[in-house]
């Protein structure tokens, strides 16, 4: 199973608390796939939402493919996510609860097919973000001191 990561959404881990993740396929046109292979994608502001019994990915920017002509794609068009019916029903029920959303965490190729890792997310408050930053800083400081202590021995 060969995977190649195209884009990571690090901002999602900072802004949201990720409760669970799901792998989904994504319906794309040929020029979108070529642009993805070139790494010209931004999933930072993306989100997914159920509509009509399907899940759709919004605000994901896949740049136009320069070598294409009139058959090029719209960069921020909604894209259909390919999920099993049970997954759609479970995620839809959870998204209907207040404070939950579905955000793309990672976009990658898996065995030649484009996949997106979706995360069921709950928004963090400002003080939660500060706690996360403080925890990360203390962990870094402890690692530095341990490394320094090992170097002195």
Protein backbone atom coordinates (compact mmCIF):
# COMPACT_ATOMS: atom_id res chain seq x y z
CA UNK A 1 0.00 0.00 0.00
CA UNK A 2 1.85 3.04 -1.30
CA UNK A 3 0.78 6.49 -0.10
CA UNK A 4 2.04 9.93 -1.08
CA UNK A 5 0.86 12.89 0.98
CA UNK A 6 -0.06 15.93 -1.11
CA UNK A 7 -1.32 18.34 1.56
CA UNK A 8 -1.65 18.48 5.35
CA UNK A 9 -4.02 20.73 7.27
CA UNK A 10 -1.96 21.67 10.34
CA UNK A 11 -4.29 24.56 11.11
CA UNK A 12 -7.12 22.08 11.77
CA UNK A 13 -5.20 20.53 14.65
CA UNK A 14 -4.64 23.99 16.12
CA UNK A 15 -8.20 25.31 15.69
CA UNK A 16 -10.15 22.11 16.41
CA UNK A 17 -10.16 19.12 18.70
CA UNK A 18 -10.27 16.11 16.34
CA UNK A 19 -12.54 13.41 17.77
CA UNK A 20 -12.36 10.80 14.99
CA UNK A 21 -11.13 10.49 11.43
CA UNK A 22 -12.44 8.80 8.30
CA UNK A 23 -10.82 8.08 4.94
CA UNK A 24 -12.89 9.05 1.91
CA UNK A 25 -12.46 9.05 -1.82
CA UNK A 26 -13.05 12.23 -3.76
CA UNK A 27 -14.62 12.70 -7.20
CA UNK A 28 -12.27 14.80 -9.36
CA UNK A 29 -11.76 15.72 -12.99
CA UNK A 30 -8.57 14.91 -14.90
CA UNK A 31 -7.09 18.39 -14.68
CA UNK A 32 -7.66 18.42 -10.91
CA UNK A 33 -5.72 15.18 -10.51
CA UNK A 34 -2.84 16.54 -12.60
CA UNK A 35 -2.77 19.69 -10.50
CA UNK A 36 -2.78 17.56 -7.33
CA UNK A 37 0.18 15.55 -8.60
CA UNK A 38 2.00 18.87 -9.00
CA UNK A 39 1.13 19.68 -5.36
CA UNK A 40 -0.93 22.77 -6.12
CA UNK A 41 -3.67 22.44 -3.51
CA UNK A 42 -4.80 24.24 -0.34
CA UNK A 43 -7.14 22.48 2.10
CA UNK A 44 -6.65 24.89 5.01
CA UNK A 45 -10.08 26.56 4.79
CA UNK A 46 -11.93 23.45 3.62
CA UNK A 47 -14.90 21.80 5.28
CA UNK A 48 -17.34 19.02 4.44
CA UNK A 49 -21.09 19.08 4.83
CA UNK A 50 -23.93 16.66 4.07
CA UNK A 51 -26.39 17.59 1.34
CA UNK A 52 -29.04 15.37 -0.17
CA UNK A 53 -27.72 12.15 1.36
CA UNK A 54 -24.15 12.82 0.14
CA UNK A 55 -21.10 14.56 1.59
CA UNK A 56 -19.55 17.48 -0.27
CA UNK A 57 -16.17 19.15 0.25
CA UNK A 58 -16.20 22.96 0.11
CA UNK A 59 -13.53 25.72 0.04
CA UNK A 60 -10.75 23.40 -1.05
CA UNK A 61 -8.61 25.21 -3.59
CA UNK A 62 -7.06 23.06 -6.33
CA UNK A 63 -5.21 25.38 -8.70
CA UNK A 64 -5.94 25.36 -12.42
CA UNK A 65 -3.70 23.10 -14.49
CA UNK A 66 -1.61 25.36 -16.73
CA UNK A 67 -1.25 22.92 -19.62
CA UNK A 68 -5.02 22.44 -19.91
CA UNK A 69 -7.07 24.60 -22.25
CA UNK A 70 -10.83 25.18 -22.23
CA UNK A 71 -11.48 21.93 -20.32
CA UNK A 72 -9.90 23.29 -17.14
CA UNK A 73 -11.72 23.11 -13.80
CA UNK A 74 -13.07 25.71 -11.38
CA UNK A 75 -10.52 25.94 -8.50
CA UNK A 76 -12.94 26.11 -5.54
CA UNK A 77 -15.90 24.10 -6.83
CA UNK A 78 -17.71 21.73 -4.41
CA UNK A 79 -16.39 18.18 -4.72
CA UNK A 80 -18.33 15.02 -3.95
CA UNK A 81 -16.85 12.77 -1.27
CA UNK A 82 -17.12 9.02 -1.75
CA UNK A 83 -18.20 7.37 1.49
CA UNK A 84 -20.22 4.31 2.43
CA UNK A 85 -23.87 4.92 3.29
CA UNK A 86 -23.31 3.98 6.95
CA UNK A 87 -20.39 6.44 7.21
CA UNK A 88 -22.51 9.21 5.66
CA UNK A 89 -25.35 8.56 8.09
CA UNK A 90 -23.03 8.45 11.13
CA UNK A 91 -21.16 11.64 10.18
CA UNK A 92 -24.40 13.45 9.26
CA UNK A 93 -25.94 12.65 12.65
CA UNK A 94 -22.83 13.88 14.47
CA UNK A 95 -22.56 17.07 12.38
CA UNK A 96 -26.16 17.98 13.20
CA UNK A 97 -25.12 18.30 16.86
CA UNK A 98 -24.13 21.80 17.86
CA UNK A 99 -20.44 22.63 17.66
CA UNK A 100 -19.30 19.78 15.39
CA UNK A 101 -17.93 20.06 11.87
CA UNK A 102 -16.04 17.89 9.40
CA UNK A 103 -12.69 19.23 8.18
CA UNK A 104 -10.13 17.75 5.77
CA UNK A 105 -6.96 16.78 7.62
CA UNK A 106 -4.86 15.29 4.85
CA UNK A 107 -5.05 14.85 1.07
CA UNK A 108 -3.01 12.01 -0.39
CA UNK A 109 -2.64 9.41 -3.13
CA UNK A 110 -3.20 5.80 -2.09
CA UNK A 111 -2.52 3.17 -4.74
CA UNK A 112 -2.95 5.80 -7.46
CA UNK A 113 -6.31 7.07 -6.15
CA UNK A 114 -6.87 10.42 -4.45
CA UNK A 115 -8.05 10.10 -0.85
CA UNK A 116 -8.90 12.66 1.79
CA UNK A 117 -8.75 12.07 5.53
CA UNK A 118 -11.71 13.79 7.16
CA UNK A 119 -11.83 14.63 10.84
CA UNK A 120 -14.91 15.09 12.98
CA UNK A 121 -13.93 18.25 14.80
CA UNK A 122 -15.10 20.39 17.67
CA UNK A 123 -13.94 23.99 17.80
CA UNK A 124 -11.42 25.01 20.44
CA UNK A 125 -11.82 28.10 22.54
CA UNK A 126 -9.00 30.63 22.80
CA UNK A 127 -7.90 29.34 26.21
CA UNK A 128 -7.80 25.76 24.83
CA UNK A 129 -5.41 26.95 22.12
CA UNK A 130 -3.26 28.66 24.75
CA UNK A 131 -3.18 25.45 26.80
CA UNK A 132 -2.11 23.46 23.74
CA UNK A 133 0.68 25.91 22.99
CA UNK A 134 1.85 25.93 26.63
CA UNK A 135 1.84 22.11 26.75
CA UNK A 136 3.84 21.91 23.53
CA UNK A 137 6.38 24.45 24.83
CA UNK A 138 6.89 22.57 28.11
CA UNK A 139 7.35 19.28 26.24
CA UNK A 140 9.97 20.91 24.02
CA UNK A 141 11.74 22.37 27.04
CA UNK A 142 11.82 18.97 28.78
CA UNK A 143 13.24 17.35 25.64
CA UNK A 144 15.94 20.04 25.45
CA UNK A 145 16.95 19.56 29.06
CA UNK A 146 17.04 15.76 28.69
CA UNK A 147 19.16 16.09 25.57
CA UNK A 148 21.48 18.51 27.36
CA UNK A 149 21.73 16.20 30.39
CA UNK A 150 22.65 13.26 28.15
CA UNK A 151 25.28 15.36 26.39
CA UNK A 152 26.91 16.36 29.70
CA UNK A 153 27.23 12.75 30.91
